[in-house]
Amino acid sequence: MITPKTSHSATITHTLIIGDRKIPLSQAAHDFVILRDFVELEPCDAELVMTIDGHVDCTTVHLSQGCKLGNRRLSISDSL
């Protein structure tokens, strides 16, 4: 008898929170994020919020170079 394999696709969202501003992300990695939309940001600390199947994980990150308008990829590092 062959049993069908079931698969699971996780529901994942990434958001960058700066003050009361929530910025949706297209992608997040350990040293960069890609913004969903073009946004200009000054260098600052931010909260990176990842939600995977309802489980929320928050990390404080530092945006050392900010983000210029017209660029959606920005470098992040652990906040000290």
PDB file of N, CA and C in Angstrom:
ATOM      1  N   MET A   1       0.842  -1.180   0.000  1.00  0.00           N
ATOM      2  CA  MET A   1       0.000   0.000   0.000  1.00  0.00           C
ATOM      3  C   MET A   1       0.886   1.242   0.000  1.00  0.00           C
ATOM      4  N   ILE A   2       0.553   2.159  -0.847  1.00  0.00           N
ATOM      5  CA  ILE A   2       1.302   3.424  -0.916  1.00  0.00           C
ATOM      6  C   ILE A   2       0.501   4.480  -0.172  1.00  0.00           C
ATOM      7  N   THR A   3       1.158   5.110   0.792  1.00  0.00           N
ATOM      8  CA  THR A   3       0.487   6.177   1.537  1.00  0.00           C
ATOM      9  C   THR A   3       0.904   7.516   0.959  1.00  0.00           C
ATOM     10  N   PRO A   4      -0.052   8.377   0.735  1.00  0.00           N
ATOM     11  CA  PRO A   4       0.293   9.696   0.178  1.00  0.00           C
ATOM     12  C   PRO A   4       1.076  10.525   1.198  1.00  0.00           C
ATOM     13  N   LYS A   5       2.045  11.251   0.686  1.00  0.00           N
ATOM     14  CA  LYS A   5       2.809  12.157   1.552  1.00  0.00           C
ATOM     15  C   LYS A   5       2.076  13.490   1.613  1.00  0.00           C
ATOM     16  N   THR A   6       2.002  14.014   2.790  1.00  0.00           N
ATOM     17  CA  THR A   6       1.402  15.336   2.931  1.00  0.00           C
ATOM     18  C   THR A   6       2.526  16.338   3.102  1.00  0.00           C
ATOM     19  N   SER A   7       2.335  17.480   2.573  1.00  0.00           N
ATOM     20  CA  SER A   7       3.348  18.524   2.710  1.00  0.00           C
ATOM     21  C   SER A   7       2.724  19.733   3.391  1.00  0.00           C
ATOM     22  N   HIS A   8       3.591  20.580   3.864  1.00  0.00           N
ATOM     23  CA  HIS A   8       3.139  21.765   4.586  1.00  0.00           C
ATOM     24  C   HIS A   8       3.868  22.983   4.040  1.00  0.00           C
ATOM     25  N   SER A   9       3.134  23.969   3.639  1.00  0.00           N
ATOM     26  CA  SER A   9       3.721  25.246   3.267  1.00  0.00           C
ATOM     27  C   SER A   9       3.490  26.213   4.409  1.00  0.00           C
ATOM     28  N   ALA A  10       4.562  26.696   4.964  1.00  0.00           N
ATOM     29  CA  ALA A  10       4.462  27.622   6.094  1.00  0.00           C
ATOM     30  C   ALA A  10       3.951  28.980   5.616  1.00  0.00           C
ATOM     31  N   THR A  11       3.179  29.622   6.460  1.00  0.00           N
ATOM     32  CA  THR A  11       2.744  30.995   6.214  1.00  0.00           C
ATOM     33  C   THR A  11       3.730  31.897   6.937  1.00  0.00           C
ATOM     34  N   ILE A  12       4.467  32.707   6.160  1.00  0.00           N
ATOM     35  CA  ILE A  12       5.529  33.530   6.723  1.00  0.00           C
ATOM     36  C   ILE A  12       5.300  34.993   6.352  1.00  0.00           C
ATOM     37  N   THR A  13       5.425  35.872   7.335  1.00  0.00           N
ATOM     38  CA  THR A  13       5.424  37.309   7.079  1.00  0.00           C
ATOM     39  C   THR A  13       6.622  37.925   7.784  1.00  0.00           C
ATOM     40  N   HIS A  14       7.173  38.959   7.175  1.00  0.00           N
ATOM     41  CA  HIS A  14       8.294  39.714   7.739  1.00  0.00           C
ATOM     42  C   HIS A  14       7.885  41.183   7.768  1.00  0.00           C
ATOM     43  N   THR A  15       8.138  41.828   8.878  1.00  0.00           N
ATOM     44  CA  THR A  15       7.811  43.249   9.016  1.00  0.00           C
ATOM     45  C   THR A  15       8.941  43.949   9.759  1.00  0.00           C
ATOM     46  N   LEU A  16       9.277  45.129   9.321  1.00  0.00           N
ATOM     47  CA  LEU A  16      10.247  45.970  10.007  1.00  0.00           C
ATOM     48  C   LEU A  16       9.461  47.061  10.717  1.00  0.00           C
ATOM     49  N   ILE A  17       9.653  47.188  12.032  1.00  0.00           N
ATOM     50  CA  ILE A  17       8.918  48.191  12.801  1.00  0.00           C
ATOM     51  C   ILE A  17       9.902  49.252  13.287  1.00  0.00           C
ATOM     52  N   ILE A  18       9.604  50.491  12.924  1.00  0.00           N
ATOM     53  CA  ILE A  18      10.400  51.638  13.346  1.00  0.00           C
ATOM     54  C   ILE A  18       9.431  52.618  13.985  1.00  0.00           C
ATOM     55  N   GLY A  19       9.497  52.742  15.308  1.00  0.00           N
ATOM     56  CA  GLY A  19       8.531  53.576  16.029  1.00  0.00           C
ATOM     57  C   GLY A  19       7.144  52.987  15.862  1.00  0.00           C
ATOM     58  N   ASP A  20       6.210  53.795  15.337  1.00  0.00           N
ATOM     59  CA  ASP A  20       4.853  53.294  15.098  1.00  0.00           C
ATOM     60  C   ASP A  20       4.641  52.927  13.628  1.00  0.00           C
ATOM     61  N   ARG A  21       5.711  52.903  12.868  1.00  0.00           N
ATOM     62  CA  ARG A  21       5.661  52.622  11.433  1.00  0.00           C
ATOM     63  C   ARG A  21       5.957  51.142  11.171  1.00  0.00           C
ATOM     64  N   LYS A  22       5.062  50.464  10.444  1.00  0.00           N
ATOM     65  CA  LYS A  22       5.243  49.058  10.084  1.00  0.00           C
ATOM     66  C   LYS A  22       5.535  48.976   8.589  1.00  0.00           C
ATOM     67  N   ILE A  23       6.699  48.420   8.253  1.00  0.00           N
ATOM     68  CA  ILE A  23       7.146  48.350   6.868  1.00  0.00           C
ATOM     69  C   ILE A  23       7.193  46.880   6.448  1.00  0.00           C
ATOM     70  N   PRO A  24       6.328  46.458   5.511  1.00  0.00           N
ATOM     71  CA  PRO A  24       6.331  45.062   5.076  1.00  0.00           C
ATOM     72  C   PRO A  24       7.588  44.731   4.271  1.00  0.00           C
ATOM     73  N   LEU A  25       8.074  43.503   4.443  1.00  0.00           N
ATOM     74  CA  LEU A  25       9.280  43.050   3.765  1.00  0.00           C
ATOM     75  C   LEU A  25       8.944  41.943   2.770  1.00  0.00           C
ATOM     76  N   SER A  26       9.743  41.861   1.728  1.00  0.00           N
ATOM     77  CA  SER A  26       9.628  40.757   0.778  1.00  0.00           C
ATOM     78  C   SER A  26      10.523  39.607   1.188  1.00  0.00           C
ATOM     79  N   GLN A  27      11.660  39.941   1.816  1.00  0.00           N
ATOM     80  CA  GLN A  27      12.621  38.917   2.187  1.00  0.00           C
ATOM     81  C   GLN A  27      13.440  39.401   3.373  1.00  0.00           C
ATOM     82  N   ALA A  28      13.883  38.455   4.199  1.00  0.00           N
ATOM     83  CA  ALA A  28      14.763  38.781   5.320  1.00  0.00           C
ATOM     84  C   ALA A  28      15.840  37.710   5.426  1.00  0.00           C
ATOM     85  N   ALA A  29      17.064  38.144   5.674  1.00  0.00           N
ATOM     86  CA  ALA A  29      18.190  37.242   5.885  1.00  0.00           C
ATOM     87  C   ALA A  29      18.941  37.720   7.119  1.00  0.00           C
ATOM     88  N   HIS A  30      20.039  37.063   7.461  1.00  0.00           N
ATOM     89  CA  HIS A  30      20.743  37.429   8.690  1.00  0.00           C
ATOM     90  C   HIS A  30      21.444  38.777   8.606  1.00  0.00           C
ATOM     91  N   ASP A  31      21.731  39.275   7.388  1.00  0.00           N
ATOM     92  CA  ASP A  31      22.454  40.537   7.280  1.00  0.00           C
ATOM     93  C   ASP A  31      21.802  41.564   6.352  1.00  0.00           C
ATOM     94  N   PHE A  32      20.631  41.245   5.819  1.00  0.00           N
ATOM     95  CA  PHE A  32      19.918  42.210   4.977  1.00  0.00           C
ATOM     96  C   PHE A  32      18.430  41.906   4.961  1.00  0.00           C
ATOM     97  N   VAL A  33      17.651  42.898   4.565  1.00  0.00           N
ATOM     98  CA  VAL A  33      16.227  42.719   4.295  1.00  0.00           C
ATOM     99  C   VAL A  33      15.912  43.385   2.969  1.00  0.00           C
ATOM    100  N   ILE A  34      14.851  42.930   2.336  1.00  0.00           N
ATOM    101  CA  ILE A  34      14.374  43.567   1.110  1.00  0.00           C
ATOM    102  C   ILE A  34      12.966  44.072   1.384  1.00  0.00           C
ATOM    103  N   LEU A  35      12.809  45.381   1.236  1.00  0.00           N
ATOM    104  CA  LEU A  35      11.516  46.018   1.475  1.00  0.00           C
ATOM    105  C   LEU A  35      10.541  45.666   0.365  1.00  0.00           C
ATOM    106  N   ARG A  36       9.274  45.537   0.697  1.00  0.00           N
ATOM    107  CA  ARG A  36       8.256  45.264  -0.318  1.00  0.00           C
ATOM    108  C   ARG A  36       8.066  46.489  -1.226  1.00  0.00           C
ATOM    109  N   ASP A  37       8.118  47.670  -0.641  1.00  0.00           N
ATOM    110  CA  ASP A  37       7.941  48.917  -1.390  1.00  0.00           C
ATOM    111  C   ASP A  37       9.155  49.807  -1.175  1.00  0.00           C
ATOM    112  N   PHE A  38       9.317  50.785  -2.042  1.00  0.00           N
ATOM    113  CA  PHE A  38      10.404  51.747  -1.891  1.00  0.00           C
ATOM    114  C   PHE A  38      10.100  52.688  -0.736  1.00  0.00           C
ATOM    115  N   VAL A  39      11.027  52.789   0.196  1.00  0.00           N
ATOM    116  CA  VAL A  39      10.876  53.648   1.368  1.00  0.00           C
ATOM    117  C   VAL A  39      12.234  54.255   1.667  1.00  0.00           C
ATOM    118  N   GLU A  40      12.256  55.516   2.036  1.00  0.00           N
ATOM    119  CA  GLU A  40      13.503  56.144   2.448  1.00  0.00           C
ATOM    120  C   GLU A  40      13.598  56.080   3.970  1.00  0.00           C
ATOM    121  N   LEU A  41      14.730  55.579   4.467  1.00  0.00           N
ATOM    122  CA  LEU A  41      14.918  55.427   5.908  1.00  0.00           C
ATOM    123  C   LEU A  41      16.272  55.979   6.325  1.00  0.00           C
ATOM    124  N   GLU A  42      16.283  56.674   7.437  1.00  0.00           N
ATOM    125  CA  GLU A  42      17.526  57.136   8.040  1.00  0.00           C
ATOM    126  C   GLU A  42      18.143  55.983   8.835  1.00  0.00           C
ATOM    127  N   PRO A  43      19.446  56.016   9.089  1.00  0.00           N
ATOM    128  CA  PRO A  43      20.042  55.013   9.972  1.00  0.00           C
ATOM    129  C   PRO A  43      19.346  55.034  11.335  1.00  0.00           C
ATOM    130  N   CYS A  44      19.033  53.848  11.872  1.00  0.00           N
ATOM    131  CA  CYS A  44      18.311  53.762  13.139  1.00  0.00           C
ATOM    132  C   CYS A  44      18.269  52.317  13.619  1.00  0.00           C
ATOM    133  N   ASP A  45      17.713  52.116  14.795  1.00  0.00           N
ATOM    134  CA  ASP A  45      17.401  50.779  15.284  1.00  0.00           C
ATOM    135  C   ASP A  45      15.963  50.471  14.897  1.00  0.00           C
ATOM    136  N   ALA A  46      15.689  49.192  14.670  1.00  0.00           N
ATOM    137  CA  ALA A  46      14.346  48.761  14.275  1.00  0.00           C
ATOM    138  C   ALA A  46      14.074  47.383  14.867  1.00  0.00           C
ATOM    139  N   GLU A  47      12.821  47.005  14.841  1.00  0.00           N
ATOM    140  CA  GLU A  47      12.411  45.675  15.291  1.00  0.00           C
ATOM    141  C   GLU A  47      12.061  44.862  14.047  1.00  0.00           C
ATOM    142  N   LEU A  48      12.738  43.735  13.859  1.00  0.00           N
ATOM    143  CA  LEU A  48      12.426  42.822  12.773  1.00  0.00           C
ATOM    144  C   LEU A  48      11.486  41.764  13.334  1.00  0.00           C
ATOM    145  N   VAL A  49      10.270  41.705  12.802  1.00  0.00           N
ATOM    146  CA  VAL A  49       9.253  40.772  13.289  1.00  0.00           C
ATOM    147  C   VAL A  49       9.002  39.733  12.203  1.00  0.00           C
ATOM    148  N   MET A  50       9.243  38.476  12.539  1.00  0.00           N
ATOM    149  CA  MET A  50       8.965  37.369  11.629  1.00  0.00           C
ATOM    150  C   MET A  50       7.862  36.524  12.247  1.00  0.00           C
ATOM    151  N   THR A  51       6.829  36.250  11.467  1.00  0.00           N
ATOM    152  CA  THR A  51       5.737  35.403  11.923  1.00  0.00           C
ATOM    153  C   THR A  51       5.695  34.180  11.014  1.00  0.00           C
ATOM    154  N   ILE A  52       5.854  32.999  11.629  1.00  0.00           N
ATOM    155  CA  ILE A  52       5.833  31.744  10.881  1.00  0.00           C
ATOM    156  C   ILE A  52       4.720  30.880  11.459  1.00  0.00           C
ATOM    157  N   ASP A  53       3.708  30.662  10.648  1.00  0.00           N
ATOM    158  CA  ASP A  53       2.528  29.889  11.075  1.00  0.00           C
ATOM    159  C   ASP A  53       1.992  30.362  12.422  1.00  0.00           C
ATOM    160  N   GLY A  54       1.913  31.670  12.608  1.00  0.00           N
ATOM    161  CA  GLY A  54       1.356  32.244  13.819  1.00  0.00           C
ATOM    162  C   GLY A  54       2.344  32.428  14.957  1.00  0.00           C
ATOM    163  N   HIS A  55       3.542  31.855  14.853  1.00  0.00           N
ATOM    164  CA  HIS A  55       4.566  32.028  15.887  1.00  0.00           C
ATOM    165  C   HIS A  55       5.374  33.288  15.578  1.00  0.00           C
ATOM    166  N   VAL A  56       5.412  34.215  16.520  1.00  0.00           N
ATOM    167  CA  VAL A  56       6.065  35.505  16.316  1.00  0.00           C
ATOM    168  C   VAL A  56       7.458  35.497  16.939  1.00  0.00           C
ATOM    169  N   ASP A  57       8.448  35.957  16.170  1.00  0.00           N
ATOM    170  CA  ASP A  57       9.822  36.080  16.646  1.00  0.00           C
ATOM    171  C   ASP A  57      10.292  37.503  16.348  1.00  0.00           C
ATOM    172  N   CYS A  58      10.746  38.215  17.365  1.00  0.00           N
ATOM    173  CA  CYS A  58      11.177  39.605  17.219  1.00  0.00           C
ATOM    174  C   CYS A  58      12.662  39.736  17.517  1.00  0.00           C
ATOM    175  N   THR A  59      13.356  40.530  16.718  1.00  0.00           N
ATOM    176  CA  THR A  59      14.771  40.792  16.906  1.00  0.00           C
ATOM    177  C   THR A  59      15.031  42.274  16.684  1.00  0.00           C
ATOM    178  N   THR A  60      15.774  42.880  17.589  1.00  0.00           N
ATOM    179  CA  THR A  60      16.170  44.276  17.392  1.00  0.00           C
ATOM    180  C   THR A  60      17.382  44.303  16.474  1.00  0.00           C
ATOM    181  N   VAL A  61      17.301  45.118  15.427  1.00  0.00           N
ATOM    182  CA  VAL A  61      18.389  45.223  14.451  1.00  0.00           C
ATOM    183  C   VAL A  61      18.780  46.687  14.285  1.00  0.00           C
ATOM    184  N   HIS A  62      19.967  46.891  13.728  1.00  0.00           N
ATOM    185  CA  HIS A  62      20.448  48.246  13.471  1.00  0.00           C
ATOM    186  C   HIS A  62      20.563  48.441  11.961  1.00  0.00           C
ATOM    187  N   LEU A  63      20.000  49.529  11.472  1.00  0.00           N
ATOM    188  CA  LEU A  63      20.099  49.902  10.062  1.00  0.00           C
ATOM    189  C   LEU A  63      21.197  50.956   9.960  1.00  0.00           C
ATOM    190  N   SER A  64      22.435  50.512   9.822  1.00  0.00           N
ATOM    191  CA  SER A  64      23.573  51.430   9.902  1.00  0.00           C
ATOM    192  C   SER A  64      23.623  52.427   8.749  1.00  0.00           C
ATOM    193  N   GLN A  65      23.105  52.033   7.586  1.00  0.00           N
ATOM    194  CA  GLN A  65      23.157  52.926   6.431  1.00  0.00           C
ATOM    195  C   GLN A  65      21.792  53.457   6.030  1.00  0.00           C
ATOM    196  N   GLY A  66      20.747  53.019   6.723  1.00  0.00           N
ATOM    197  CA  GLY A  66      19.403  53.429   6.330  1.00  0.00           C
ATOM    198  C   GLY A  66      19.081  52.887   4.954  1.00  0.00           C
ATOM    199  N   CYS A  67      18.187  53.553   4.244  1.00  0.00           N
ATOM    200  CA  CYS A  67      17.809  53.119   2.903  1.00  0.00           C
ATOM    201  C   CYS A  67      17.446  54.340   2.071  1.00  0.00           C
ATOM    202  N   LYS A  68      18.102  54.475   0.942  1.00  0.00           N
ATOM    203  CA  LYS A  68      17.813  55.577   0.025  1.00  0.00           C
ATOM    204  C   LYS A  68      16.601  55.231  -0.824  1.00  0.00           C
ATOM    205  N   LEU A  69      15.815  56.249  -1.172  1.00  0.00           N
ATOM    206  CA  LEU A  69      14.660  56.048  -2.029  1.00  0.00           C
ATOM    207  C   LEU A  69      15.136  55.482  -3.366  1.00  0.00           C
ATOM    208  N   GLY A  70      14.461  54.480  -3.855  1.00  0.00           N
ATOM    209  CA  GLY A  70      14.866  53.836  -5.100  1.00  0.00           C
ATOM    210  C   GLY A  70      15.622  52.539  -4.859  1.00  0.00           C
ATOM    211  N   ASN A  71      15.932  52.245  -3.597  1.00  0.00           N
ATOM    212  CA  ASN A  71      16.606  51.007  -3.241  1.00  0.00           C
ATOM    213  C   ASN A  71      15.708  50.265  -2.251  1.00  0.00           C
ATOM    214  N   ARG A  72      15.530  48.973  -2.434  1.00  0.00           N
ATOM    215  CA  ARG A  72      14.695  48.222  -1.503  1.00  0.00           C
ATOM    216  C   ARG A  72      15.500  47.283  -0.612  1.00  0.00           C
ATOM    217  N   ARG A  73      16.769  47.077  -0.919  1.00  0.00           N
ATOM    218  CA  ARG A  73      17.607  46.195  -0.096  1.00  0.00           C
ATOM    219  C   ARG A  73      18.412  47.039   0.871  1.00  0.00           C
ATOM    220  N   LEU A  74      18.382  46.654   2.155  1.00  0.00           N
ATOM    221  CA  LEU A  74      19.202  47.382   3.124  1.00  0.00           C
ATOM    222  C   LEU A  74      19.882  46.433   4.079  1.00  0.00           C
ATOM    223  N   SER A  75      21.076  46.812   4.482  1.00  0.00           N
ATOM    224  CA  SER A  75      21.873  46.011   5.398  1.00  0.00           C
ATOM    225  C   SER A  75      21.347  46.162   6.814  1.00  0.00           C
ATOM    226  N   ILE A  76      21.377  45.062   7.559  1.00  0.00           N
ATOM    227  CA  ILE A  76      21.018  45.082   8.972  1.00  0.00           C
ATOM    228  C   ILE A  76      22.122  44.399   9.763  1.00  0.00           C
ATOM    229  N   SER A  77      22.221  44.753  11.020  1.00  0.00           N
ATOM    230  CA  SER A  77      23.134  44.075  11.925  1.00  0.00           C
ATOM    231  C   SER A  77      22.474  44.003  13.290  1.00  0.00           C
ATOM    232  N   ASP A  78      22.974  43.107  14.139  1.00  0.00           N
ATOM    233  CA  ASP A  78      22.440  43.021  15.492  1.00  0.00           C
ATOM    234  C   ASP A  78      22.622  44.356  16.184  1.00  0.00           C
ATOM    235  N   SER A  79      21.603  44.781  16.890  1.00  0.00           N
ATOM    236  CA  SER A  79      21.681  46.029  17.651  1.00  0.00           C
ATOM    237  C   SER A  79      22.483  45.784  18.922  1.00  0.00           C
ATOM    238  N   LEU A  80      23.402  46.671  19.218  1.00  0.00           N
ATOM    239  CA  LEU A  80      24.240  46.512  20.413  1.00  0.00           C
ATOM    240  C   LEU A  80      23.594  47.131  21.617  1.00  0.00           C
TER     241      LEU A  80
END
